[in-house]
Every structure is written in structure tokens, then in C-alpha cells.
Amino acid sequence: MKKSFRGKRNGHSASFAIIRYNLRTYEPGGVMAIIKGRGKAEVTVQHFESGQSRADCLAGWGYFLETTDLKPGMDPQRATSLRQMRMDIRESEAQDAIMVTSGENPLHKKK
């Protein structure tokens, strides 16, 4: 018997952000929805994709799922802002870690 290693974060109890993006330009389109459960999130992505215009598809716009701790059903604009803020913080922390590793003091950044 094969055991399933699908954890709580990947199964039907996890929350997923549906993110719109442009594959050609890498332009972010923001969070479209926060959905509880992978199956429901995948169906919602299919719904968004089937409602896309031909021009939108040809321009490179698409969707992907991302696990999240944001509340299902929350306002997409608010979710986009929170997601962007978290990404900015992670990027800043990574830059600080690189500077510390390279011997630079992140508190004394060069101008």
C-alpha cells in the first residue's frame, strides 16, 4: 500500500492564492482570489482561464496557485497588497543577508 504524503498545507484544508501574471513580460497581475482547498482552487483557475479573452491569452496572461496563510474569500486588492509587502520584506532580508555575508554592514548602506 502506497502512503500519501500530502500534508495539511497541500490538501483540501490549505488556502491558495490565485495569482495572475504575464508569462511574456513577467508583469504581475495581482491576487485574483484566496480559495480554501486545492481542488476548488484548481477549478477556480480553470474558470478564470475559460473566461479570458483571446487577446488576453495571446498577450501572455495566465494564472498560478500559491499556498498562503491569507483568509479564504478576502478582498483580492487587500490580498495583493499583503502579498507584495511580504515579498518586499523577504527581498530586503535576503539583500541584508547577502551584504552581511559579503562583509558590508546593512545599516551603513552606501549612497
N, C-alpha and C. Protein backbone atom coordinates (compact mmCIF):
# COMPACT_ATOMS: atom_id res chain seq x y z
N MET A 1 0.85 -1.18 0.00
CA MET A 1 0.00 0.00 0.00
C MET A 1 0.90 1.25 0.00
N LYS A 2 0.63 2.16 -0.89
CA LYS A 2 1.40 3.38 -1.00
C LYS A 2 0.81 4.43 -0.07
N LYS A 3 1.69 5.04 0.74
CA LYS A 3 1.24 6.08 1.66
C LYS A 3 1.23 7.44 0.96
N SER A 4 0.28 8.23 1.33
CA SER A 4 0.20 9.59 0.79
C SER A 4 0.92 10.53 1.73
N PHE A 5 1.77 11.38 1.16
CA PHE A 5 2.49 12.36 1.96
C PHE A 5 1.92 13.76 1.79
N ARG A 6 0.70 13.83 1.29
CA ARG A 6 0.06 15.14 1.14
C ARG A 6 -0.22 15.70 2.52
N GLY A 7 0.47 16.76 2.82
CA GLY A 7 0.32 17.38 4.13
C GLY A 7 -0.86 18.32 4.17
N LYS A 8 -1.08 18.86 5.31
CA LYS A 8 -2.17 19.80 5.52
C LYS A 8 -2.05 21.01 4.61
N ARG A 9 -0.82 21.45 4.34
CA ARG A 9 -0.61 22.65 3.52
C ARG A 9 -0.88 22.41 2.04
N ASN A 10 -0.97 21.16 1.61
CA ASN A 10 -1.17 20.89 0.19
C ASN A 10 -2.52 20.27 -0.13
N GLY A 11 -3.30 19.96 0.86
CA GLY A 11 -4.55 19.26 0.63
C GLY A 11 -5.76 20.15 0.61
N HIS A 12 -6.87 19.54 0.96
CA HIS A 12 -8.15 20.25 0.89
C HIS A 12 -8.34 21.28 2.00
N SER A 13 -7.49 21.28 3.03
CA SER A 13 -7.66 22.25 4.11
C SER A 13 -6.75 23.47 3.97
N ALA A 14 -5.83 23.43 3.01
CA ALA A 14 -4.91 24.56 2.80
C ALA A 14 -5.62 25.67 2.01
N SER A 15 -5.09 26.87 2.14
CA SER A 15 -5.60 28.00 1.36
C SER A 15 -4.63 28.29 0.23
N PHE A 16 -5.19 28.71 -0.90
CA PHE A 16 -4.39 29.01 -2.09
C PHE A 16 -4.75 30.37 -2.64
N ALA A 17 -3.72 31.13 -3.01
CA ALA A 17 -3.92 32.38 -3.72
C ALA A 17 -3.85 32.08 -5.20
N ILE A 18 -4.80 32.61 -5.95
CA ILE A 18 -4.75 32.51 -7.40
C ILE A 18 -4.11 33.81 -7.88
N ILE A 19 -2.93 33.67 -8.50
CA ILE A 19 -2.14 34.82 -8.91
C ILE A 19 -2.21 34.96 -10.43
N ARG A 20 -2.47 36.17 -10.89
CA ARG A 20 -2.46 36.47 -12.32
C ARG A 20 -1.08 37.01 -12.66
N TYR A 21 -0.52 36.57 -13.78
CA TYR A 21 0.80 37.02 -14.19
C TYR A 21 0.89 36.99 -15.72
N ASN A 22 1.91 37.67 -16.23
CA ASN A 22 2.14 37.65 -17.67
C ASN A 22 3.42 36.88 -17.94
N LEU A 23 3.27 35.75 -18.61
CA LEU A 23 4.38 34.86 -18.89
C LEU A 23 5.42 35.50 -19.81
N ARG A 24 4.99 36.39 -20.65
CA ARG A 24 5.92 37.03 -21.60
C ARG A 24 6.70 38.18 -20.98
N THR A 25 6.03 39.00 -20.20
CA THR A 25 6.66 40.21 -19.66
C THR A 25 7.00 40.08 -18.17
N TYR A 26 6.54 39.01 -17.55
CA TYR A 26 6.70 38.78 -16.10
C TYR A 26 5.99 39.84 -15.27
N GLU A 27 5.09 40.56 -15.89
CA GLU A 27 4.32 41.58 -15.18
C GLU A 27 3.32 40.91 -14.24
N PRO A 28 3.31 41.32 -12.97
CA PRO A 28 2.34 40.73 -12.04
C PRO A 28 0.95 41.32 -12.27
N GLY A 29 -0.05 40.50 -12.10
CA GLY A 29 -1.41 40.98 -12.24
C GLY A 29 -2.15 40.99 -10.90
N GLY A 30 -1.50 40.49 -9.87
CA GLY A 30 -2.09 40.52 -8.53
C GLY A 30 -2.83 39.24 -8.17
N VAL A 31 -3.34 39.25 -6.95
CA VAL A 31 -4.12 38.13 -6.44
C VAL A 31 -5.55 38.26 -6.95
N MET A 32 -6.04 37.20 -7.54
CA MET A 32 -7.40 37.20 -8.07
C MET A 32 -8.40 36.71 -7.03
N ALA A 33 -7.96 35.75 -6.19
CA ALA A 33 -8.84 35.18 -5.17
C ALA A 33 -8.01 34.35 -4.19
N ILE A 34 -8.55 34.20 -2.98
CA ILE A 34 -7.99 33.28 -1.99
C ILE A 34 -9.05 32.20 -1.80
N ILE A 35 -8.66 30.96 -2.06
CA ILE A 35 -9.59 29.83 -2.06
C ILE A 35 -9.10 28.75 -1.09
N LYS A 36 -10.03 28.15 -0.37
CA LYS A 36 -9.68 27.04 0.53
C LYS A 36 -9.81 25.72 -0.23
N GLY A 37 -8.72 24.94 -0.22
CA GLY A 37 -8.72 23.64 -0.86
C GLY A 37 -8.14 23.65 -2.25
N ARG A 38 -7.21 22.74 -2.51
CA ARG A 38 -6.55 22.67 -3.81
C ARG A 38 -7.54 22.40 -4.95
N GLY A 39 -8.44 21.45 -4.77
CA GLY A 39 -9.39 21.11 -5.83
C GLY A 39 -10.24 22.29 -6.22
N LYS A 40 -10.78 22.97 -5.24
CA LYS A 40 -11.63 24.14 -5.52
C LYS A 40 -10.80 25.25 -6.17
N ALA A 41 -9.55 25.41 -5.72
CA ALA A 41 -8.68 26.44 -6.30
C ALA A 41 -8.37 26.13 -7.76
N GLU A 42 -8.10 24.85 -8.06
CA GLU A 42 -7.81 24.46 -9.44
C GLU A 42 -9.02 24.68 -10.35
N VAL A 43 -10.21 24.38 -9.85
CA VAL A 43 -11.43 24.62 -10.62
C VAL A 43 -11.62 26.12 -10.85
N THR A 44 -11.31 26.93 -9.85
CA THR A 44 -11.44 28.38 -9.98
C THR A 44 -10.46 28.92 -11.01
N VAL A 45 -9.23 28.38 -11.03
CA VAL A 45 -8.26 28.78 -12.06
C VAL A 45 -8.81 28.45 -13.44
N GLN A 46 -9.37 27.27 -13.59
CA GLN A 46 -9.96 26.88 -14.89
C GLN A 46 -11.08 27.82 -15.28
N HIS A 47 -11.86 28.25 -14.30
CA HIS A 47 -12.95 29.21 -14.56
C HIS A 47 -12.38 30.54 -15.06
N PHE A 48 -11.32 31.04 -14.39
CA PHE A 48 -10.69 32.29 -14.82
C PHE A 48 -10.13 32.14 -16.24
N GLU A 49 -9.46 31.01 -16.49
CA GLU A 49 -8.84 30.78 -17.80
C GLU A 49 -9.89 30.70 -18.91
N SER A 50 -11.00 30.03 -18.63
CA SER A 50 -12.04 29.89 -19.65
C SER A 50 -12.75 31.22 -19.91
N GLY A 51 -12.69 32.14 -18.98
CA GLY A 51 -13.32 33.45 -19.15
C GLY A 51 -12.40 34.49 -19.76
N GLN A 52 -11.14 34.10 -20.02
CA GLN A 52 -10.18 35.02 -20.59
C GLN A 52 -10.47 35.29 -22.06
N SER A 53 -10.22 36.51 -22.49
CA SER A 53 -10.37 36.84 -23.91
C SER A 53 -9.19 36.25 -24.69
N ARG A 54 -9.39 36.10 -25.97
CA ARG A 54 -8.31 35.59 -26.83
C ARG A 54 -7.13 36.54 -26.79
N ALA A 55 -7.40 37.84 -26.79
CA ALA A 55 -6.33 38.85 -26.74
C ALA A 55 -5.51 38.71 -25.46
N ASP A 56 -6.20 38.47 -24.35
CA ASP A 56 -5.53 38.28 -23.06
C ASP A 56 -4.59 37.08 -23.12
N CYS A 57 -5.07 35.98 -23.68
CA CYS A 57 -4.25 34.76 -23.81
C CYS A 57 -3.05 35.02 -24.71
N LEU A 58 -3.27 35.65 -25.84
CA LEU A 58 -2.19 35.92 -26.78
C LEU A 58 -1.16 36.89 -26.20
N ALA A 59 -1.60 37.77 -25.31
CA ALA A 59 -0.69 38.71 -24.68
C ALA A 59 0.17 38.04 -23.60
N GLY A 60 -0.18 36.80 -23.22
CA GLY A 60 0.64 36.06 -22.27
C GLY A 60 0.10 35.96 -20.86
N TRP A 61 -1.11 36.43 -20.62
CA TRP A 61 -1.66 36.41 -19.27
C TRP A 61 -2.11 35.01 -18.87
N GLY A 62 -1.81 34.64 -17.64
CA GLY A 62 -2.20 33.34 -17.12
C GLY A 62 -2.33 33.38 -15.60
N TYR A 63 -2.49 32.23 -15.01
CA TYR A 63 -2.73 32.13 -13.57
C TYR A 63 -1.91 30.99 -12.98
N PHE A 64 -1.54 31.12 -11.70
CA PHE A 64 -0.93 30.02 -10.99
C PHE A 64 -1.40 30.03 -9.55
N LEU A 65 -1.24 28.88 -8.88
CA LEU A 65 -1.63 28.75 -7.47
C LEU A 65 -0.41 28.89 -6.58
N GLU A 66 -0.65 29.48 -5.42
CA GLU A 66 0.41 29.65 -4.43
C GLU A 66 -0.21 29.39 -3.06
N THR A 67 0.41 28.51 -2.27
CA THR A 67 -0.13 28.28 -0.93
C THR A 67 0.02 29.58 -0.13
N THR A 68 -0.92 29.81 0.77
CA THR A 68 -0.92 31.05 1.53
C THR A 68 -1.58 30.83 2.89
N ASP A 69 -1.30 31.76 3.80
CA ASP A 69 -1.99 31.74 5.09
C ASP A 69 -3.06 32.84 5.14
N LEU A 70 -3.28 33.49 4.01
CA LEU A 70 -4.32 34.52 3.95
C LEU A 70 -5.70 33.86 4.03
N LYS A 71 -6.67 34.62 4.51
CA LYS A 71 -8.01 34.10 4.75
C LYS A 71 -8.79 33.92 3.44
N PRO A 72 -9.33 32.72 3.22
CA PRO A 72 -10.14 32.50 2.02
C PRO A 72 -11.28 33.51 1.93
N GLY A 73 -11.50 34.01 0.72
CA GLY A 73 -12.58 34.96 0.49
C GLY A 73 -12.21 36.41 0.75
N MET A 74 -10.98 36.67 1.20
CA MET A 74 -10.63 38.06 1.50
C MET A 74 -10.56 38.88 0.22
N ASP A 75 -10.64 40.19 0.35
CA ASP A 75 -10.62 41.12 -0.76
C ASP A 75 -9.34 40.93 -1.57
N PRO A 76 -9.43 40.70 -2.89
CA PRO A 76 -8.24 40.47 -3.71
C PRO A 76 -7.24 41.63 -3.69
N GLN A 77 -7.72 42.87 -3.64
CA GLN A 77 -6.79 44.01 -3.58
C GLN A 77 -6.00 44.01 -2.28
N ARG A 78 -6.68 43.71 -1.19
CA ARG A 78 -6.01 43.62 0.12
C ARG A 78 -5.00 42.47 0.12
N ALA A 79 -5.40 41.33 -0.45
CA ALA A 79 -4.51 40.17 -0.53
C ALA A 79 -3.28 40.50 -1.38
N THR A 80 -3.48 41.23 -2.47
CA THR A 80 -2.36 41.63 -3.33
C THR A 80 -1.40 42.52 -2.56
N SER A 81 -1.94 43.48 -1.81
CA SER A 81 -1.09 44.38 -1.03
C SER A 81 -0.29 43.63 0.03
N LEU A 82 -0.95 42.73 0.75
CA LEU A 82 -0.26 41.94 1.78
C LEU A 82 0.81 41.05 1.17
N ARG A 83 0.48 40.39 0.06
CA ARG A 83 1.44 39.52 -0.62
C ARG A 83 2.65 40.32 -1.07
N GLN A 84 2.43 41.50 -1.67
CA GLN A 84 3.53 42.33 -2.15
C GLN A 84 4.40 42.81 -0.99
N MET A 85 3.76 43.20 0.11
CA MET A 85 4.50 43.65 1.28
C MET A 85 5.40 42.53 1.81
N ARG A 86 4.86 41.31 1.88
CA ARG A 86 5.65 40.17 2.36
C ARG A 86 6.81 39.87 1.42
N MET A 87 6.57 39.97 0.11
CA MET A 87 7.63 39.73 -0.86
C MET A 87 8.73 40.79 -0.73
N ASP A 88 8.35 42.04 -0.52
CA ASP A 88 9.32 43.12 -0.35
C ASP A 88 10.17 42.88 0.90
N ILE A 89 9.54 42.44 1.99
CA ILE A 89 10.27 42.17 3.23
C ILE A 89 11.26 41.03 3.01
N ARG A 90 10.81 39.93 2.37
CA ARG A 90 11.71 38.80 2.10
C ARG A 90 12.89 39.24 1.24
N GLU A 91 12.62 40.05 0.23
CA GLU A 91 13.69 40.52 -0.65
C GLU A 91 14.69 41.38 0.11
N SER A 92 14.18 42.26 0.96
CA SER A 92 15.04 43.12 1.76
C SER A 92 15.90 42.30 2.72
N GLU A 93 15.29 41.31 3.37
CA GLU A 93 16.04 40.45 4.29
C GLU A 93 17.11 39.67 3.54
N ALA A 94 16.79 39.21 2.33
CA ALA A 94 17.77 38.48 1.53
C ALA A 94 18.93 39.39 1.14
N GLN A 95 18.63 40.63 0.75
CA GLN A 95 19.68 41.59 0.41
C GLN A 95 20.57 41.88 1.62
N ASP A 96 19.94 42.05 2.80
CA ASP A 96 20.71 42.28 4.02
C ASP A 96 21.62 41.10 4.32
N ALA A 97 21.11 39.88 4.14
CA ALA A 97 21.91 38.69 4.39
C ALA A 97 23.09 38.61 3.43
N ILE A 98 22.89 39.00 2.18
CA ILE A 98 23.98 39.00 1.20
C ILE A 98 25.04 40.01 1.59
N MET A 99 24.60 41.20 2.03
CA MET A 99 25.57 42.22 2.42
C MET A 99 26.36 41.79 3.65
N VAL A 100 25.71 41.16 4.62
CA VAL A 100 26.39 40.69 5.82
C VAL A 100 27.39 39.61 5.44
N THR A 101 26.99 38.71 4.57
CA THR A 101 27.88 37.63 4.12
C THR A 101 29.08 38.19 3.38
N SER A 102 28.87 39.26 2.63
CA SER A 102 29.97 39.85 1.86
C SER A 102 30.81 40.82 2.69
N GLY A 103 30.44 41.01 3.94
CA GLY A 103 31.21 41.88 4.82
C GLY A 103 30.72 43.31 4.91
N GLU A 104 29.66 43.65 4.18
CA GLU A 104 29.12 45.00 4.26
C GLU A 104 28.16 45.08 5.44
N ASN A 105 28.04 46.27 6.02
CA ASN A 105 27.12 46.49 7.12
C ASN A 105 25.81 47.00 6.53
N PRO A 106 24.70 46.24 6.68
CA PRO A 106 23.43 46.66 6.09
C PRO A 106 22.88 47.94 6.70
N LEU A 107 23.38 48.34 7.87
CA LEU A 107 22.92 49.59 8.49
C LEU A 107 23.64 50.80 7.93
N HIS A 108 24.74 50.58 7.25
CA HIS A 108 25.52 51.66 6.65
C HIS A 108 25.61 51.48 5.15
N LYS A 109 24.48 51.56 4.50
CA LYS A 109 24.42 51.37 3.06
C LYS A 109 25.08 52.56 2.36
N LYS A 110 25.79 52.25 1.30
CA LYS A 110 26.43 53.30 0.50
C LYS A 110 25.40 54.07 -0.30
N LYS A 111 25.66 55.35 -0.47
CA LYS A 111 24.75 56.19 -1.25
C LYS A 111 25.29 56.44 -2.61
